[in-house]
Every structure is written in C-alpha cells, then in structure tokens.
Amino acid sequence: MEYNIAVCDDDPADRAYIASLARAWASERGMGVRVAEFSTAESLLFAWEDGRFDILLLDIQMPGMDGVELAKSLRREDETAQIVFVTGFSEYIEEGYEVAALHFLIKPVGPEKLARVLDRAARNLRKSERVLTLEVSGELARLPLRQITFAEVRGNYVTVHAGEDYTAKMTLSELESRLDERFLRVGRSFAVNLTLVSKVTRREIVLTDGASVPLPRGAYETVNRAILALEGTHGTI
C-alpha cells in the first residue's frame, strides 16, 4: 500500500526535517510513500481538493488558520485520515480529541518516536478497510468498521450507528465477536468505537458525531485505560 502524507508547518527547517523522517520511515519498511509539504493550512486545504492524504503531520501555531482549525475542517471531509500534531506547544492536547487525533508529538521529535506513531497510523489505515455485514430488513448492509460510532442493544435487536441507524436481530455479544479491538463494551447495552471518542466524563462518552453513551458507575477509569491501551502509549494522544 502506498501512503500519501502531508506535512504542514510554517517553519521551513521543521517542515523539511519531519518530511525527511517520514520518507525514511517508509523506506525502512519497504513501503511506497508520497510526502507533500505545505507552509500554510490554507495551501493544504487547497491541495485537498485534488487528492486526499492518508496521514497528516500538522504544526499548530501557524499564520492564518492554525493546525487545530485545519484538522477540524479536514475531519469533516474524511473520517479515516490519521492526524498527528507535531508542535512545540502542549496546551492544545484537549482539542486533539475533537478531531480524533492519533497522537500529539512535542518538538523536537526523534526519528524513533515519529516512526512508532507512523506505524500506528498505517495499522489504523489497514484496519479501516474492515467491514461489518448485517442483514437488515431482508437486505445485506456492509458497514466499514471505521464509520461505526457505537452500537446499542434493545431486547433481541442491536442498532448500529454509522451515519445512519441499522437494526438487526442479534445479541450484543454476537455483534462484539464480529468487531475488533477498537470497540469496547460499556455496561450491558453498548459497544463504543474508542477511535471516535471525543470526550469522556464521569457520566458519559461523547462521540465525534455528537452522540453520547451513558457511563455506568465506576466505568470512567476503565474507558480511559482502554483508550490509552488502544493508542499503544502511556501518555497523551
């Protein structure tokens, strides 16, 4: 698989350095890669109209539109692009959840650390191709797992939320067996896509589409540990 990577940073030296690390990462793993460099968020948005990018390595503080606003705009167009913030500032970490950012790297970034994040991005992109097939009203519906925000059970039926709602006769346990590690069972009635979590409070999980799932008492820490485990790190996103 060939990956399209965009590096957006207003500092020419930082931009060239991150781009070189991305090319070295692909070369070491024998993968095809095309790396495009952008000095402004606006120039990346313009290029997006001609071709999407799989992985976005974004600075945050830039003239004009900043990296967070850029990520929000691109996320409305693409749910699968892997967004990584590469910045000298840590105060924007919370906002990263709003765009389902994969990771938050603080400059200066070492080759090994960026390589680990790019490995995770590649794995996520491969996973995004997986689908769930459901029989709904006598027809088969094929739903990419990456589009499923959560599922909920009511009686003998499970409703899967993936832009639209799809209801099929099965138990939640049966559905879980057909999902993957990005999904976590929450209480008796819900399974949540952890990669699409926008915010976790003591009372609920908020998804990137604005939907919310109630949290049972004592489940807050379990959910947060599951998110960190899925990310494969013990730090920030």
C-alpha atoms as a PDB file:
ATOM      1  CA  MET A   1       0.000   0.000   0.000  1.00  0.00           C
ATOM      2  CA  GLU A   2       1.232   3.484  -0.825  1.00  0.00           C
ATOM      3  CA  TYR A   3       0.544   6.246   1.670  1.00  0.00           C
ATOM      4  CA  ASN A   4       0.021   9.927   0.930  1.00  0.00           C
ATOM      5  CA  ILE A   5       1.459  12.029   3.745  1.00  0.00           C
ATOM      6  CA  ALA A   6       1.048  15.780   4.198  1.00  0.00           C
ATOM      7  CA  VAL A   7       3.438  17.795   6.359  1.00  0.00           C
ATOM      8  CA  CYS A   8       2.177  21.266   7.249  1.00  0.00           C
ATOM      9  CA  ASP A   9       4.477  23.621   9.152  1.00  0.00           C
ATOM     10  CA  ASP A  10       5.313  27.269   8.608  1.00  0.00           C
ATOM     11  CA  ASP A  11       8.932  26.711   9.699  1.00  0.00           C
ATOM     12  CA  PRO A  12      10.904  25.540   6.625  1.00  0.00           C
ATOM     13  CA  ALA A  13      13.547  23.679   8.634  1.00  0.00           C
ATOM     14  CA  ASP A  14      10.998  21.843  10.798  1.00  0.00           C
ATOM     15  CA  ARG A  15       8.888  21.036   7.762  1.00  0.00           C
ATOM     16  CA  ALA A  16      11.822  19.579   5.821  1.00  0.00           C
ATOM     17  CA  TYR A  17      13.000  17.604   8.848  1.00  0.00           C
ATOM     18  CA  ILE A  18       9.625  15.955   9.519  1.00  0.00           C
ATOM     19  CA  ALA A  19       9.197  15.193   5.811  1.00  0.00           C
ATOM     20  CA  SER A  20      12.618  13.546   5.707  1.00  0.00           C
ATOM     21  CA  LEU A  21      11.743  11.381   8.719  1.00  0.00           C
ATOM     22  CA  ALA A  22       8.501  10.298   7.049  1.00  0.00           C
ATOM     23  CA  ARG A  23      10.359   9.280   3.877  1.00  0.00           C
ATOM     24  CA  ALA A  24      12.973   7.415   5.902  1.00  0.00           C
ATOM     25  CA  TRP A  25      10.241   5.568   7.812  1.00  0.00           C
ATOM     26  CA  ALA A  26       8.634   4.355   4.590  1.00  0.00           C
ATOM     27  CA  SER A  27      11.989   3.388   3.057  1.00  0.00           C
ATOM     28  CA  GLU A  28      12.984   1.317   6.101  1.00  0.00           C
ATOM     29  CA  ARG A  29       9.708  -0.610   5.916  1.00  0.00           C
ATOM     30  CA  GLY A  30       9.746  -1.091   2.162  1.00  0.00           C
ATOM     31  CA  MET A  31       6.538   0.869   1.642  1.00  0.00           C
ATOM     32  CA  GLY A  32       5.586   3.344  -1.025  1.00  0.00           C
ATOM     33  CA  VAL A  33       5.027   6.897   0.132  1.00  0.00           C
ATOM     34  CA  ARG A  34       4.387  10.325  -1.318  1.00  0.00           C
ATOM     35  CA  VAL A  35       5.165  13.221   1.006  1.00  0.00           C
ATOM     36  CA  ALA A  36       3.848  16.704   0.238  1.00  0.00           C
ATOM     37  CA  GLU A  37       4.999  19.766   2.171  1.00  0.00           C
ATOM     38  CA  PHE A  38       2.853  22.807   2.957  1.00  0.00           C
ATOM     39  CA  SER A  39       3.780  26.067   4.660  1.00  0.00           C
ATOM     40  CA  THR A  40       0.207  27.124   5.487  1.00  0.00           C
ATOM     41  CA  ALA A  41      -3.051  25.448   6.410  1.00  0.00           C
ATOM     42  CA  GLU A  42      -4.751  27.201   3.532  1.00  0.00           C
ATOM     43  CA  SER A  43      -2.381  25.689   0.961  1.00  0.00           C
ATOM     44  CA  LEU A  44      -3.054  22.201   2.316  1.00  0.00           C
ATOM     45  CA  LEU A  45      -6.806  22.781   2.147  1.00  0.00           C
ATOM     46  CA  PHE A  46      -6.460  23.839  -1.486  1.00  0.00           C
ATOM     47  CA  ALA A  47      -4.433  20.725  -2.328  1.00  0.00           C
ATOM     48  CA  TRP A  48      -7.006  18.548  -0.546  1.00  0.00           C
ATOM     49  CA  GLU A  49      -9.484  19.286  -3.343  1.00  0.00           C
ATOM     50  CA  ASP A  50      -7.252  17.435  -5.829  1.00  0.00           C
ATOM     51  CA  GLY A  51      -6.361  14.456  -3.667  1.00  0.00           C
ATOM     52  CA  ARG A  52      -6.857  13.254  -0.114  1.00  0.00           C
ATOM     53  CA  PHE A  53      -4.000  12.436   2.269  1.00  0.00           C
ATOM     54  CA  ASP A  54      -3.818   9.351   4.448  1.00  0.00           C
ATOM     55  CA  ILE A  55      -1.600  10.809   7.175  1.00  0.00           C
ATOM     56  CA  LEU A  56      -1.430  14.454   8.273  1.00  0.00           C
ATOM     57  CA  LEU A  57       1.540  15.761  10.281  1.00  0.00           C
ATOM     58  CA  LEU A  58       0.406  19.197  11.405  1.00  0.00           C
ATOM     59  CA  ASP A  59       2.006  22.057  13.264  1.00  0.00           C
ATOM     60  CA  ILE A  60      -0.490  24.011  15.357  1.00  0.00           C
ATOM     61  CA  GLN A  61       0.607  27.629  15.587  1.00  0.00           C
ATOM     62  CA  MET A  62       0.793  28.996  12.038  1.00  0.00           C
ATOM     63  CA  PRO A  63      -0.113  32.322  10.404  1.00  0.00           C
ATOM     64  CA  GLY A  64      -3.747  32.453   9.354  1.00  0.00           C
ATOM     65  CA  MET A  65      -5.626  29.226  10.044  1.00  0.00           C
ATOM     66  CA  ASP A  66      -3.958  27.203  12.790  1.00  0.00           C
ATOM     67  CA  GLY A  67      -3.422  23.450  12.806  1.00  0.00           C
ATOM     68  CA  VAL A  68      -6.399  22.663  15.035  1.00  0.00           C
ATOM     69  CA  GLU A  69      -8.839  24.541  12.801  1.00  0.00           C
ATOM     70  CA  LEU A  70      -7.261  22.881   9.787  1.00  0.00           C
ATOM     71  CA  ALA A  71      -7.763  19.456  11.358  1.00  0.00           C
ATOM     72  CA  LYS A  72     -11.406  20.224  12.145  1.00  0.00           C
ATOM     73  CA  SER A  73     -12.037  21.278   8.566  1.00  0.00           C
ATOM     74  CA  LEU A  74     -10.363  18.189   7.105  1.00  0.00           C
ATOM     75  CA  ARG A  75     -12.074  15.863   9.561  1.00  0.00           C
ATOM     76  CA  ARG A  76     -15.450  16.976   8.214  1.00  0.00           C
ATOM     77  CA  GLU A  77     -14.317  15.664   4.830  1.00  0.00           C
ATOM     78  CA  ASP A  78     -12.564  12.482   5.924  1.00  0.00           C
ATOM     79  CA  GLU A  79     -13.060  10.288   8.996  1.00  0.00           C
ATOM     80  CA  THR A  80     -10.156   7.938   8.303  1.00  0.00           C
ATOM     81  CA  ALA A  81      -7.196  10.288   7.774  1.00  0.00           C
ATOM     82  CA  GLN A  82      -4.656   9.863  10.558  1.00  0.00           C
ATOM     83  CA  ILE A  83      -3.992  13.240  12.187  1.00  0.00           C
ATOM     84  CA  VAL A  84      -0.789  13.797  14.157  1.00  0.00           C
ATOM     85  CA  PHE A  85       0.034  17.151  15.730  1.00  0.00           C
ATOM     86  CA  VAL A  86       3.746  17.973  15.733  1.00  0.00           C
ATOM     87  CA  THR A  87       4.213  21.154  17.724  1.00  0.00           C
ATOM     88  CA  GLY A  88       6.194  22.986  20.335  1.00  0.00           C
ATOM     89  CA  PHE A  89       3.109  23.657  22.465  1.00  0.00           C
ATOM     90  CA  SER A  90       1.286  21.186  24.729  1.00  0.00           C
ATOM     91  CA  GLU A  91      -1.735  23.272  25.732  1.00  0.00           C
ATOM     92  CA  TYR A  92      -3.786  22.099  22.741  1.00  0.00           C
ATOM     93  CA  ILE A  93      -3.897  18.423  23.719  1.00  0.00           C
ATOM     94  CA  GLU A  94      -7.543  18.538  24.806  1.00  0.00           C
ATOM     95  CA  GLU A  95      -8.579  19.908  21.424  1.00  0.00           C
ATOM     96  CA  GLY A  96      -6.969  16.932  19.762  1.00  0.00           C
ATOM     97  CA  TYR A  97      -9.810  14.763  20.997  1.00  0.00           C
ATOM     98  CA  GLU A  98     -12.266  16.827  18.972  1.00  0.00           C
ATOM     99  CA  VAL A  99     -10.661  15.710  15.711  1.00  0.00           C
ATOM    100  CA  ALA A 100      -9.832  12.148  16.812  1.00  0.00           C
ATOM    101  CA  ALA A 101      -6.115  12.900  16.583  1.00  0.00           C
ATOM    102  CA  LEU A 102      -3.873   9.862  16.638  1.00  0.00           C
ATOM    103  CA  HIS A 103      -1.063  11.437  18.634  1.00  0.00           C
ATOM    104  CA  PHE A 104       0.455  14.677  19.895  1.00  0.00           C
ATOM    105  CA  LEU A 105       4.228  14.986  19.437  1.00  0.00           C
ATOM    106  CA  ILE A 106       6.227  17.734  21.118  1.00  0.00           C
ATOM    107  CA  LYS A 107       9.185  19.195  19.203  1.00  0.00           C
ATOM    108  CA  PRO A 108      11.966  18.282  18.829  1.00  0.00           C
ATOM    109  CA  VAL A 109      10.767  14.934  17.506  1.00  0.00           C
ATOM    110  CA  GLY A 110      13.150  11.981  17.326  1.00  0.00           C
ATOM    111  CA  PRO A 111      13.095   9.541  14.386  1.00  0.00           C
ATOM    112  CA  GLU A 112      12.121   6.543  16.520  1.00  0.00           C
ATOM    113  CA  LYS A 113       9.201   8.314  18.174  1.00  0.00           C
ATOM    114  CA  LEU A 114       7.764   9.514  14.871  1.00  0.00           C
ATOM    115  CA  ALA A 115       8.297   6.067  13.345  1.00  0.00           C
ATOM    116  CA  ARG A 116       6.257   4.447  16.131  1.00  0.00           C
ATOM    117  CA  VAL A 117       3.403   6.871  15.536  1.00  0.00           C
ATOM    118  CA  LEU A 118       3.523   6.318  11.773  1.00  0.00           C
ATOM    119  CA  ASP A 119       3.441   2.552  12.363  1.00  0.00           C
ATOM    120  CA  ARG A 120       0.225   3.019  14.344  1.00  0.00           C
ATOM    121  CA  ALA A 121      -1.206   5.261  11.633  1.00  0.00           C
ATOM    122  CA  ALA A 122      -0.500   2.609   8.995  1.00  0.00           C
ATOM    123  CA  ARG A 123      -2.118  -0.098  11.124  1.00  0.00           C
ATOM    124  CA  ASN A 124      -5.209   2.060  11.614  1.00  0.00           C
ATOM    125  CA  LEU A 125      -5.478   2.704   7.885  1.00  0.00           C
ATOM    126  CA  ARG A 126      -5.319  -1.014   7.180  1.00  0.00           C
ATOM    127  CA  LYS A 127      -7.998  -1.656   9.805  1.00  0.00           C
ATOM    128  CA  SER A 128     -10.245   0.979   8.301  1.00  0.00           C
ATOM    129  CA  GLU A 129     -10.831  -1.321   5.351  1.00  0.00           C
ATOM    130  CA  ARG A 130     -12.624  -3.905   7.532  1.00  0.00           C
ATOM    131  CA  VAL A 131     -16.420  -4.083   7.231  1.00  0.00           C
ATOM    132  CA  LEU A 132     -19.361  -5.427   9.205  1.00  0.00           C
ATOM    133  CA  THR A 133     -22.070  -7.200   7.225  1.00  0.00           C
ATOM    134  CA  LEU A 134     -25.578  -7.092   8.687  1.00  0.00           C
ATOM    135  CA  GLU A 135     -28.905  -8.428   7.464  1.00  0.00           C
ATOM    136  CA  VAL A 136     -31.313  -5.531   7.770  1.00  0.00           C
ATOM    137  CA  SER A 137     -34.944  -5.893   6.619  1.00  0.00           C
ATOM    138  CA  GLY A 138     -34.044  -8.753   4.313  1.00  0.00           C
ATOM    139  CA  GLU A 139     -31.098  -6.935   2.744  1.00  0.00           C
ATOM    140  CA  LEU A 140     -27.355  -7.032   3.409  1.00  0.00           C
ATOM    141  CA  ALA A 141     -25.718  -3.854   4.650  1.00  0.00           C
ATOM    142  CA  ARG A 142     -21.912  -3.561   4.563  1.00  0.00           C
ATOM    143  CA  LEU A 143     -20.631  -1.042   7.120  1.00  0.00           C
ATOM    144  CA  PRO A 144     -16.964  -0.040   7.353  1.00  0.00           C
ATOM    145  CA  LEU A 145     -15.952  -0.508  10.999  1.00  0.00           C
ATOM    146  CA  ARG A 146     -14.298   2.918  10.956  1.00  0.00           C
ATOM    147  CA  GLN A 147     -17.716   4.520  10.390  1.00  0.00           C
ATOM    148  CA  ILE A 148     -19.459   2.802  13.309  1.00  0.00           C
ATOM    149  CA  THR A 149     -19.593   5.142  16.306  1.00  0.00           C
ATOM    150  CA  PHE A 150     -21.408   2.800  18.678  1.00  0.00           C
ATOM    151  CA  ALA A 151     -23.975   0.024  18.922  1.00  0.00           C
ATOM    152  CA  GLU A 152     -26.761  -0.480  21.433  1.00  0.00           C
ATOM    153  CA  VAL A 153     -28.953  -3.452  22.281  1.00  0.00           C
ATOM    154  CA  ARG A 154     -32.682  -3.339  22.931  1.00  0.00           C
ATOM    155  CA  GLY A 155     -34.330  -6.647  23.599  1.00  0.00           C
ATOM    156  CA  ASN A 156     -33.295  -9.110  20.892  1.00  0.00           C
ATOM    157  CA  TYR A 157     -32.114  -6.405  18.499  1.00  0.00           C
ATOM    158  CA  VAL A 158     -28.918  -4.425  18.098  1.00  0.00           C
ATOM    159  CA  THR A 159     -28.856  -0.988  16.473  1.00  0.00           C
ATOM    160  CA  VAL A 160     -25.567   0.012  14.877  1.00  0.00           C
ATOM    161  CA  HIS A 161     -24.967   3.763  14.472  1.00  0.00           C
ATOM    162  CA  ALA A 162     -22.853   4.571  11.410  1.00  0.00           C
ATOM    163  CA  GLY A 163     -24.141   7.806   9.939  1.00  0.00           C
ATOM    164  CA  GLU A 164     -27.485   6.043   9.599  1.00  0.00           C
ATOM    165  CA  ASP A 165     -29.008   3.533  12.015  1.00  0.00           C
ATOM    166  CA  TYR A 166     -29.015  -0.176  11.141  1.00  0.00           C
ATOM    167  CA  THR A 167     -31.022  -2.590  13.293  1.00  0.00           C
ATOM    168  CA  ALA A 168     -30.506  -6.356  13.138  1.00  0.00           C
ATOM    169  CA  LYS A 169     -31.693  -9.290  15.213  1.00  0.00           C
ATOM    170  CA  MET A 170     -28.708 -10.438  17.279  1.00  0.00           C
ATOM    171  CA  THR A 171     -27.224 -10.126  20.738  1.00  0.00           C
ATOM    172  CA  LEU A 172     -24.586  -7.602  21.629  1.00  0.00           C
ATOM    173  CA  SER A 173     -22.177 -10.472  22.307  1.00  0.00           C
ATOM    174  CA  GLU A 174     -22.729 -11.780  18.778  1.00  0.00           C
ATOM    175  CA  LEU A 175     -22.007  -8.334  17.385  1.00  0.00           C
ATOM    176  CA  GLU A 176     -18.862  -7.969  19.510  1.00  0.00           C
ATOM    177  CA  SER A 177     -17.445 -11.165  18.021  1.00  0.00           C
ATOM    178  CA  ARG A 178     -17.569  -9.504  14.601  1.00  0.00           C
ATOM    179  CA  LEU A 179     -15.932  -6.238  15.660  1.00  0.00           C
ATOM    180  CA  ASP A 180     -12.286  -5.616  16.526  1.00  0.00           C
ATOM    181  CA  GLU A 181     -10.135  -4.211  19.316  1.00  0.00           C
ATOM    182  CA  ARG A 182     -11.142  -0.620  18.691  1.00  0.00           C
ATOM    183  CA  PHE A 183     -14.575  -1.381  20.214  1.00  0.00           C
ATOM    184  CA  LEU A 184     -15.224  -1.519  23.950  1.00  0.00           C
ATOM    185  CA  ARG A 185     -18.339  -2.875  25.633  1.00  0.00           C
ATOM    186  CA  VAL A 186     -19.777  -0.286  28.013  1.00  0.00           C
ATOM    187  CA  GLY A 187     -22.240  -1.687  30.522  1.00  0.00           C
ATOM    188  CA  ARG A 188     -24.787  -4.229  29.327  1.00  0.00           C
ATOM    189  CA  SER A 189     -26.192  -2.296  26.416  1.00  0.00           C
ATOM    190  CA  PHE A 190     -23.465  -0.513  24.448  1.00  0.00           C
ATOM    191  CA  ALA A 191     -20.295  -1.105  22.426  1.00  0.00           C
ATOM    192  CA  VAL A 192     -18.292   2.038  21.593  1.00  0.00           C
ATOM    193  CA  ASN A 193     -15.696   2.759  18.913  1.00  0.00           C
ATOM    194  CA  LEU A 194     -12.838   4.168  21.008  1.00  0.00           C
ATOM    195  CA  THR A 195     -11.189   5.782  17.977  1.00  0.00           C
ATOM    196  CA  LEU A 196     -14.246   8.033  17.593  1.00  0.00           C
ATOM    197  CA  VAL A 197     -14.454   9.223  21.200  1.00  0.00           C
ATOM    198  CA  SER A 198     -14.467  12.996  21.506  1.00  0.00           C
ATOM    199  CA  LYS A 199     -14.703  13.290  25.302  1.00  0.00           C
ATOM    200  CA  VAL A 200     -15.105  11.103  28.373  1.00  0.00           C
ATOM    201  CA  THR A 201     -16.761  12.393  31.538  1.00  0.00           C
ATOM    202  CA  ARG A 202     -17.823  10.606  34.704  1.00  0.00           C
ATOM    203  CA  ARG A 203     -21.334  10.320  33.312  1.00  0.00           C
ATOM    204  CA  GLU A 204     -20.999   9.763  29.580  1.00  0.00           C
ATOM    205  CA  ILE A 205     -18.871   9.139  26.499  1.00  0.00           C
ATOM    206  CA  VAL A 206     -19.282  11.771  23.787  1.00  0.00           C
ATOM    207  CA  LEU A 207     -18.610  10.630  20.224  1.00  0.00           C
ATOM    208  CA  THR A 208     -17.234  12.727  17.381  1.00  0.00           C
ATOM    209  CA  ASP A 209     -20.675  12.903  15.745  1.00  0.00           C
ATOM    210  CA  GLY A 210     -22.157  14.443  18.905  1.00  0.00           C
ATOM    211  CA  ALA A 211     -23.922  11.300  20.121  1.00  0.00           C
ATOM    212  CA  SER A 212     -23.405  10.235  23.730  1.00  0.00           C
ATOM    213  CA  VAL A 213     -23.381   6.940  25.591  1.00  0.00           C
ATOM    214  CA  PRO A 214     -24.120   6.825  29.349  1.00  0.00           C
ATOM    215  CA  LEU A 215     -21.317   5.550  31.549  1.00  0.00           C
ATOM    216  CA  PRO A 216     -22.143   3.076  34.318  1.00  0.00           C
ATOM    217  CA  ARG A 217     -20.820   3.935  37.771  1.00  0.00           C
ATOM    218  CA  GLY A 218     -17.146   3.057  38.079  1.00  0.00           C
ATOM    219  CA  ALA A 219     -16.556   2.717  34.326  1.00  0.00           C
ATOM    220  CA  TYR A 220     -14.729   6.039  33.814  1.00  0.00           C
ATOM    221  CA  GLU A 221     -11.243   4.699  34.549  1.00  0.00           C
ATOM    222  CA  THR A 222     -11.856   1.531  32.542  1.00  0.00           C
ATOM    223  CA  VAL A 223     -12.739   3.531  29.447  1.00  0.00           C
ATOM    224  CA  ASN A 224      -9.739   5.820  29.751  1.00  0.00           C
ATOM    225  CA  ARG A 225      -7.375   2.883  30.261  1.00  0.00           C
ATOM    226  CA  ALA A 226      -8.840   1.186  27.193  1.00  0.00           C
ATOM    227  CA  ILE A 227      -8.274   4.312  25.089  1.00  0.00           C
ATOM    228  CA  LEU A 228      -4.658   4.560  26.226  1.00  0.00           C
ATOM    229  CA  ALA A 229      -4.099   0.854  25.610  1.00  0.00           C
ATOM    230  CA  LEU A 230      -5.513   1.145  22.113  1.00  0.00           C
ATOM    231  CA  GLU A 231      -3.243   4.065  21.371  1.00  0.00           C
ATOM    232  CA  GLY A 232      -0.309   1.941  22.468  1.00  0.00           C
ATOM    233  CA  THR A 233       1.143   4.700  24.640  1.00  0.00           C
ATOM    234  CA  HIS A 234       1.072   5.733  28.274  1.00  0.00           C
ATOM    235  CA  GLY A 235       0.831   9.418  27.597  1.00  0.00           C
ATOM    236  CA  THR A 236      -1.201  11.868  25.595  1.00  0.00           C
ATOM    237  CA  ILE A 237      -2.948  11.318  22.318  1.00  0.00           C
END
